[in-house]
Amino acid sequence: MIPHTVEHPYIHFKGNSGYTRHGDRISLVADRIDNTAGSGAPSSDLALQLWACQAPYHGGPLSGWKLAELPLGVLQAHHYLAAVDADTRASFPAAGDYAITLVIAEWDGTGFNRIHDYHNYPNRDLFLHPRFEGPVGYRCVEAGRVVAEAGRIHNPRSPDNISGTLALELWALPESYAGGAFTGHALAAVTLGSLAGGASWQDCVYELELTLPPAGTYTLTLMLREWNGEGYVTRDHVNFASPVTFPLVTAAPPAGNSVAAPPDQFPALAPTPQPAEPAPAAGPGGAADQQPSAPQASAQPRAAASGETARDQSRLAGLMAGAKRLFELLKKYW
């Protein structure tokens, strides 16, 4: 149900209110909250909710992203809550700038959907998240192995705002990812660590164990996800344009010529599909996107060192193969 203003509100702000962001938490403050019900009836459970919206809220249905919620309990008629000031966990929207609104919401039996009062704040707020920059792709190097690549992973936040633990995950989804909750099959994943504000990882190349999904047609999506203290949330993603049908047996391209696939190019896939566990079903408010990250690769992947390329690796593989053939000939004619 969409939150909306009540026809006859009786719970009101009195005085000032505000909020402060610090990391993954938000502090909500209000000078005073009054129950002015003429009937003498107590309220149902109340909550302060902070919302990020495209435009300031002026009553009616409320649409946007709920940043934080602070339960207040029941407020008796002709009573008030004074000096509300508490800290709560935040849930942030997609990167961008938003109008911010604080509302007093009352429980209606299904959720805090009855809005009695609200305060809009004059300044819009900017939200920034770790993101991909440059080319992003993946390629299969052998059966059961995949390479995920990103030109750059950047944290655009302020220098004192270090990210949560970041993870890179390749997913097979029933449709293109558009943000929020999702269901699908994790194909490969690696934990990257935390990234300082303003810092970047360059020329990222990670070789991972590949777990193929059950038979079917999927959109493949590479996600950059961040731990927020309760679960991983998706901060950036790339959907690859061509749907992929499994099982699919296709020869991988020669190692010396393979490159990271851009979003509109379908790379060859390895054979021998294996079942993978589905992601948890989406719940209210995008709960599935708060689930722990996909299973991580058993071997530790690494970012490519400066100047290391797939061609270098191909040459090394060729030298090793030549040495092996020479050894076999020597054994035969010695």
Protein backbone atom coordinates (compact mmCIF):
# COMPACT_ATOMS: atom_id res chain seq x y z
CA MET A 1 0.00 0.00 0.00
CA ILE A 2 1.26 3.50 -0.82
CA PRO A 3 1.61 5.86 2.18
CA HIS A 4 -0.84 8.78 2.01
CA THR A 5 -2.05 11.69 4.13
CA VAL A 6 -5.07 11.08 6.39
CA GLU A 7 -8.26 13.09 5.94
CA HIS A 8 -8.26 14.43 9.51
CA PRO A 9 -4.69 14.46 10.89
CA TYR A 10 -4.23 14.80 14.65
CA ILE A 11 -0.53 13.99 15.15
CA HIS A 12 1.63 17.05 14.49
CA PHE A 13 5.16 18.38 14.64
CA LYS A 14 5.63 21.30 17.00
CA GLY A 15 8.88 23.18 16.54
CA ASN A 16 11.81 22.16 14.40
CA SER A 17 12.95 18.84 12.99
CA GLY A 18 15.99 17.62 11.07
CA TYR A 19 18.30 14.80 10.10
CA THR A 20 22.02 14.09 9.87
CA ARG A 21 23.73 11.48 7.66
CA HIS A 22 26.85 9.75 8.92
CA GLY A 23 28.07 6.74 7.01
CA ASP A 24 25.32 4.13 6.75
CA ARG A 25 23.27 5.66 9.56
CA ILE A 26 20.94 8.64 9.91
CA SER A 27 20.02 10.63 13.02
CA LEU A 28 16.43 11.94 13.16
CA VAL A 29 15.46 14.79 15.47
CA ALA A 30 12.18 16.58 16.31
CA ASP A 31 11.57 19.19 19.02
CA ARG A 32 8.13 17.85 19.84
CA ILE A 33 5.33 15.61 18.46
CA ASP A 34 1.77 16.18 19.75
CA ASN A 35 -1.40 14.04 19.75
CA THR A 36 -4.26 16.57 19.47
CA ALA A 37 -7.07 14.01 18.99
CA GLY A 38 -10.37 15.55 20.11
CA SER A 39 -11.88 12.10 20.63
CA GLY A 40 -9.43 11.35 23.41
CA ALA A 41 -8.29 8.16 21.66
CA PRO A 42 -4.65 7.14 21.59
CA SER A 43 -2.86 6.77 18.29
CA SER A 44 -1.80 3.50 16.79
CA ASP A 45 1.95 2.87 16.62
CA LEU A 46 3.78 5.84 15.14
CA ALA A 47 7.07 6.19 13.29
CA LEU A 48 9.23 8.96 11.92
CA GLN A 49 10.17 8.25 8.31
CA LEU A 50 12.72 10.08 6.19
CA TRP A 51 12.06 9.93 2.43
CA ALA A 52 14.08 10.87 -0.67
CA CYS A 53 11.71 12.09 -3.41
CA GLN A 54 12.02 13.59 -6.86
CA ALA A 55 10.13 16.69 -5.67
CA PRO A 56 9.04 18.14 -2.31
CA TYR A 57 6.03 16.37 -0.78
CA HIS A 58 2.77 18.31 -0.52
CA GLY A 59 0.32 15.68 0.67
CA GLY A 60 -1.54 12.82 -0.95
CA PRO A 61 0.23 9.59 -1.99
CA LEU A 62 3.92 9.54 -1.10
CA SER A 63 6.32 8.08 -3.66
CA GLY A 64 10.08 7.91 -3.37
CA TRP A 65 12.72 6.00 -1.43
CA LYS A 66 12.42 5.49 2.32
CA LEU A 67 15.81 6.40 3.75
CA ALA A 68 15.16 5.67 7.42
CA GLU A 69 12.41 4.75 9.87
CA LEU A 70 12.32 5.37 13.62
CA PRO A 71 9.50 3.65 15.61
CA LEU A 72 7.92 5.91 18.26
CA GLY A 73 5.24 3.67 19.77
CA VAL A 74 1.71 4.71 20.80
CA LEU A 75 1.01 8.34 21.76
CA GLN A 76 -1.89 8.98 24.13
CA ALA A 77 -4.36 11.78 23.38
CA HIS A 78 -3.30 15.23 24.61
CA HIS A 79 0.22 13.94 25.24
CA TYR A 80 3.42 14.68 23.40
CA LEU A 81 6.90 13.35 22.73
CA ALA A 82 9.65 15.86 23.43
CA ALA A 83 13.22 16.10 22.18
CA VAL A 84 13.12 13.11 19.84
CA ASP A 85 16.71 12.40 18.81
CA ALA A 86 17.75 8.92 17.74
CA ASP A 87 20.06 7.13 15.37
CA THR A 88 18.87 4.47 12.91
CA ARG A 89 20.20 2.49 9.95
CA ALA A 90 19.82 4.08 6.52
CA SER A 91 18.88 2.63 3.14
CA PHE A 92 20.09 4.79 0.27
CA PRO A 93 18.55 5.31 -3.19
CA ALA A 94 20.25 5.20 -6.57
CA ALA A 95 22.92 7.87 -7.06
CA GLY A 96 21.46 11.32 -7.65
CA ASP A 97 20.07 14.36 -5.84
CA TYR A 98 16.70 14.25 -4.08
CA ALA A 99 14.22 16.36 -2.15
CA ILE A 100 14.08 15.17 1.47
CA THR A 101 10.89 14.87 3.55
CA LEU A 102 10.36 13.80 7.16
CA VAL A 103 6.87 12.42 7.93
CA ILE A 104 4.95 11.23 10.98
CA ALA A 105 3.33 7.95 9.89
CA GLU A 106 0.76 5.84 11.76
CA TRP A 107 0.29 2.06 11.54
CA ASP A 108 -2.85 1.05 9.62
CA GLY A 109 -2.68 -2.72 10.14
CA THR A 110 -0.37 -3.41 7.17
CA GLY A 111 2.30 -0.73 7.48
CA PHE A 112 3.07 2.86 8.49
CA ASN A 113 0.86 4.21 5.73
CA ARG A 114 -1.20 6.95 7.41
CA ILE A 115 0.70 10.25 7.18
CA HIS A 116 -0.36 12.91 9.70
CA ASP A 117 2.29 15.58 9.24
CA TYR A 118 5.45 16.26 7.25
CA HIS A 119 8.40 18.62 6.96
CA ASN A 120 10.19 19.34 3.68
CA TYR A 121 13.80 20.51 3.84
CA PRO A 122 14.94 23.38 1.61
CA ASN A 123 18.14 21.82 0.27
CA ARG A 124 18.22 18.77 -1.96
CA ASP A 125 20.60 15.99 -0.87
CA LEU A 126 23.15 14.25 -3.09
CA PHE A 127 23.79 10.50 -2.84
CA LEU A 128 26.95 8.96 -4.31
CA HIS A 129 27.91 5.29 -4.56
CA PRO A 130 30.87 3.19 -5.78
CA ARG A 131 30.53 2.64 -9.53
CA PHE A 132 32.00 1.18 -12.69
CA GLU A 133 33.86 3.47 -15.07
CA GLY A 134 35.20 2.52 -18.51
CA PRO A 135 34.62 -0.83 -20.25
CA VAL A 136 32.99 -3.64 -18.27
CA GLY A 137 32.67 -7.23 -19.41
CA TYR A 138 33.39 -10.91 -18.95
CA ARG A 139 34.84 -13.78 -20.98
CA CYS A 140 35.20 -17.52 -20.50
CA VAL A 141 38.79 -18.77 -20.51
CA GLU A 142 38.14 -22.51 -20.01
CA ALA A 143 35.41 -24.85 -18.83
CA GLY A 144 34.28 -23.75 -15.38
CA ARG A 145 36.29 -20.49 -15.33
CA VAL A 146 35.31 -16.93 -16.24
CA VAL A 147 37.17 -13.62 -16.26
CA ALA A 148 35.29 -10.52 -15.09
CA GLU A 149 36.81 -7.18 -16.09
CA ALA A 150 36.25 -3.51 -15.33
CA GLY A 151 38.31 -0.60 -16.59
CA ARG A 152 37.91 1.17 -13.26
CA ILE A 153 35.98 0.86 -9.99
CA HIS A 154 35.63 4.28 -8.37
CA ASN A 155 34.29 5.58 -5.04
CA PRO A 156 33.12 9.16 -5.70
CA ARG A 157 32.32 9.91 -2.06
CA SER A 158 34.28 12.34 0.12
CA PRO A 159 37.80 11.28 1.21
CA ASP A 160 36.64 10.40 4.74
CA ASN A 161 33.77 8.21 3.47
CA ILE A 162 35.25 4.75 2.93
CA SER A 163 32.97 2.23 1.26
CA GLY A 164 31.62 -0.88 2.88
CA THR A 165 33.08 -4.16 1.65
CA LEU A 166 32.59 -4.32 -2.12
CA ALA A 167 31.87 -7.45 -4.17
CA LEU A 168 31.82 -8.08 -7.91
CA GLU A 169 29.13 -10.58 -8.97
CA LEU A 170 27.99 -12.07 -12.27
CA TRP A 171 24.30 -13.06 -12.26
CA ALA A 172 21.92 -14.84 -14.63
CA LEU A 173 18.53 -13.10 -14.32
CA PRO A 174 15.14 -13.76 -15.92
CA GLU A 175 15.14 -10.16 -17.26
CA SER A 176 17.38 -7.11 -17.37
CA TYR A 177 18.15 -5.70 -13.93
CA ALA A 178 16.59 -2.29 -13.25
CA GLY A 179 17.52 -1.78 -9.60
CA GLY A 180 16.10 -2.93 -6.26
CA ALA A 181 15.14 -6.49 -5.39
CA PHE A 182 15.85 -9.33 -7.83
CA THR A 183 15.83 -13.10 -8.23
CA GLY A 184 18.31 -15.11 -10.26
CA HIS A 185 21.33 -17.41 -10.22
CA ALA A 186 24.81 -16.37 -9.11
CA LEU A 187 27.39 -17.47 -11.70
CA ALA A 188 30.58 -16.04 -10.18
CA ALA A 189 31.62 -13.63 -7.42
CA VAL A 190 34.63 -12.16 -5.66
CA THR A 191 35.03 -9.97 -2.57
CA LEU A 192 37.08 -6.85 -3.39
CA GLY A 193 37.45 -5.12 -0.02
CA SER A 194 36.75 -1.50 0.98
CA LEU A 195 37.63 1.54 -1.14
CA ALA A 196 38.46 4.98 0.28
CA GLY A 197 36.44 7.98 -0.83
CA GLY A 198 37.88 9.52 -4.00
CA ALA A 199 39.99 6.41 -4.69
CA SER A 200 39.81 3.92 -7.56
CA TRP A 201 40.95 0.46 -8.60
CA GLN A 202 42.30 0.50 -12.16
CA ASP A 203 42.37 -2.21 -14.86
CA CYS A 204 40.52 -4.75 -12.73
CA VAL A 205 40.73 -8.35 -14.01
CA TYR A 206 39.45 -11.25 -11.88
CA GLU A 207 39.51 -14.93 -12.89
CA LEU A 208 36.69 -16.75 -11.10
CA GLU A 209 35.09 -20.15 -10.77
CA LEU A 210 31.96 -20.34 -12.94
CA THR A 211 28.76 -22.10 -11.80
CA LEU A 212 26.26 -22.35 -14.66
CA PRO A 213 22.51 -22.08 -13.97
CA PRO A 214 19.69 -24.53 -14.71
CA ALA A 215 18.55 -24.78 -18.33
CA GLY A 216 16.81 -21.65 -19.53
CA THR A 217 17.28 -18.25 -21.14
CA TYR A 218 18.73 -15.44 -19.03
CA THR A 219 20.05 -11.90 -19.09
CA LEU A 220 23.61 -11.79 -17.75
CA THR A 221 24.34 -8.88 -15.40
CA LEU A 222 27.60 -7.84 -13.75
CA MET A 223 26.95 -6.13 -10.40
CA LEU A 224 29.05 -4.03 -8.05
CA ARG A 225 27.59 -4.57 -4.57
CA GLU A 226 28.35 -3.02 -1.18
CA TRP A 227 27.92 -4.37 2.34
CA ASN A 228 25.83 -1.95 4.45
CA GLY A 229 25.99 -3.76 7.79
CA GLU A 230 22.91 -5.89 7.19
CA GLY A 231 23.46 -7.28 3.70
CA TYR A 232 24.82 -6.49 0.25
CA VAL A 233 23.07 -3.86 -1.86
CA THR A 234 23.66 -3.26 -5.56
CA ARG A 235 25.47 0.03 -6.23
CA ASP A 236 26.12 -0.29 -9.98
CA HIS A 237 25.44 -2.84 -12.70
CA VAL A 238 25.81 -3.61 -16.41
CA ASN A 239 23.23 -5.68 -18.29
CA PHE A 240 24.64 -7.55 -21.29
CA ALA A 241 22.34 -7.07 -24.26
CA SER A 242 22.07 -10.56 -25.76
CA PRO A 243 20.01 -13.11 -23.80
CA VAL A 244 21.91 -16.35 -23.12
CA THR A 245 20.32 -19.81 -23.31
CA PHE A 246 21.74 -22.62 -21.17
CA PRO A 247 23.01 -25.24 -21.75
CA LEU A 248 25.14 -23.84 -24.54
CA VAL A 249 28.32 -25.45 -25.88
CA THR A 250 30.50 -22.97 -27.73
CA ALA A 251 34.25 -22.99 -28.25
CA ALA A 252 35.94 -20.20 -26.37
CA PRO A 253 37.88 -17.71 -28.52
CA PRO A 254 41.69 -18.05 -28.68
CA ALA A 255 43.23 -16.70 -25.51
CA GLY A 256 45.47 -14.32 -27.40
CA ASN A 257 42.50 -12.59 -29.03
CA SER A 258 39.93 -12.65 -26.24
CA VAL A 259 38.82 -9.31 -24.85
CA ALA A 260 36.35 -8.11 -22.25
CA ALA A 261 32.88 -8.10 -23.71
CA PRO A 262 31.20 -4.72 -24.03
CA PRO A 263 27.53 -4.63 -22.97
CA ASP A 264 26.27 -5.20 -26.54
CA GLN A 265 28.51 -8.20 -27.33
CA PHE A 266 27.87 -11.81 -26.29
CA PRO A 267 31.05 -13.69 -25.30
CA ALA A 268 31.46 -17.44 -25.76
CA LEU A 269 30.36 -19.59 -22.84
CA ALA A 270 31.92 -22.74 -21.46
CA PRO A 271 30.09 -26.13 -21.69
CA THR A 272 28.99 -28.54 -18.94
CA PRO A 273 26.31 -26.57 -17.08
CA GLN A 274 25.77 -27.27 -13.38
CA PRO A 275 22.78 -26.30 -11.18
CA ALA A 276 23.17 -23.15 -9.10
CA GLU A 277 21.19 -22.07 -6.07
CA PRO A 278 18.61 -19.34 -6.84
CA ALA A 279 18.81 -15.97 -5.12
CA PRO A 280 16.27 -15.39 -2.32
CA ALA A 281 12.85 -14.24 -3.45
CA ALA A 282 12.22 -10.51 -3.37
CA GLY A 283 10.35 -9.30 -0.31
CA PRO A 284 8.67 -6.01 0.59
CA GLY A 285 10.89 -2.99 0.14
CA GLY A 286 13.52 -4.80 -1.89
CA ALA A 287 14.54 -7.27 0.79
CA ALA A 288 16.23 -9.59 -1.67
CA ASP A 289 18.83 -6.94 -2.42
CA GLN A 290 19.81 -7.00 1.27
CA GLN A 291 20.71 -10.69 1.24
CA PRO A 292 24.33 -11.80 1.73
CA SER A 293 26.41 -11.68 -1.40
CA ALA A 294 26.65 -14.58 -3.82
CA PRO A 295 29.05 -17.42 -2.88
CA GLN A 296 32.61 -16.26 -3.32
CA ALA A 297 35.28 -17.92 -5.41
CA SER A 298 37.41 -20.43 -3.49
CA ALA A 299 40.64 -19.16 -5.04
CA GLN A 300 41.70 -15.58 -4.41
CA PRO A 301 41.32 -13.57 -7.63
CA ARG A 302 43.47 -10.53 -8.21
CA ALA A 303 43.43 -7.30 -10.09
CA ALA A 304 45.75 -7.36 -13.09
CA ALA A 305 49.13 -5.74 -12.57
CA SER A 306 49.94 -2.72 -14.69
CA GLY A 307 50.88 -3.77 -18.24
CA GLU A 308 49.67 -7.38 -17.88
CA THR A 309 47.40 -8.40 -20.74
CA ALA A 310 45.66 -11.46 -22.11
CA ARG A 311 48.24 -11.52 -24.94
CA ASP A 312 51.07 -11.92 -22.40
CA GLN A 313 49.25 -14.83 -20.83
CA SER A 314 48.69 -16.38 -24.26
CA ARG A 315 52.39 -16.19 -25.13
CA LEU A 316 53.29 -17.86 -21.85
CA ALA A 317 50.77 -20.63 -22.52
CA GLY A 318 52.24 -21.11 -26.01
CA LEU A 319 55.80 -21.39 -24.66
CA MET A 320 54.69 -23.96 -22.09
CA ALA A 321 52.88 -26.01 -24.73
CA GLY A 322 55.96 -25.92 -27.01
CA ALA A 323 58.19 -27.06 -24.18
CA LYS A 324 55.83 -29.94 -23.46
CA ARG A 325 55.89 -31.07 -27.14
CA LEU A 326 59.71 -30.86 -27.22
CA PHE A 327 59.91 -32.99 -24.09
CA GLU A 328 57.64 -35.63 -25.66
CA LEU A 329 59.84 -35.76 -28.80
CA LEU A 330 62.99 -36.13 -26.71
CA LYS A 331 61.41 -39.02 -24.81
CA LYS A 332 60.44 -40.69 -28.09
CA TYR A 333 63.85 -40.49 -29.85
CA TRP A 334 66.30 -40.45 -26.95
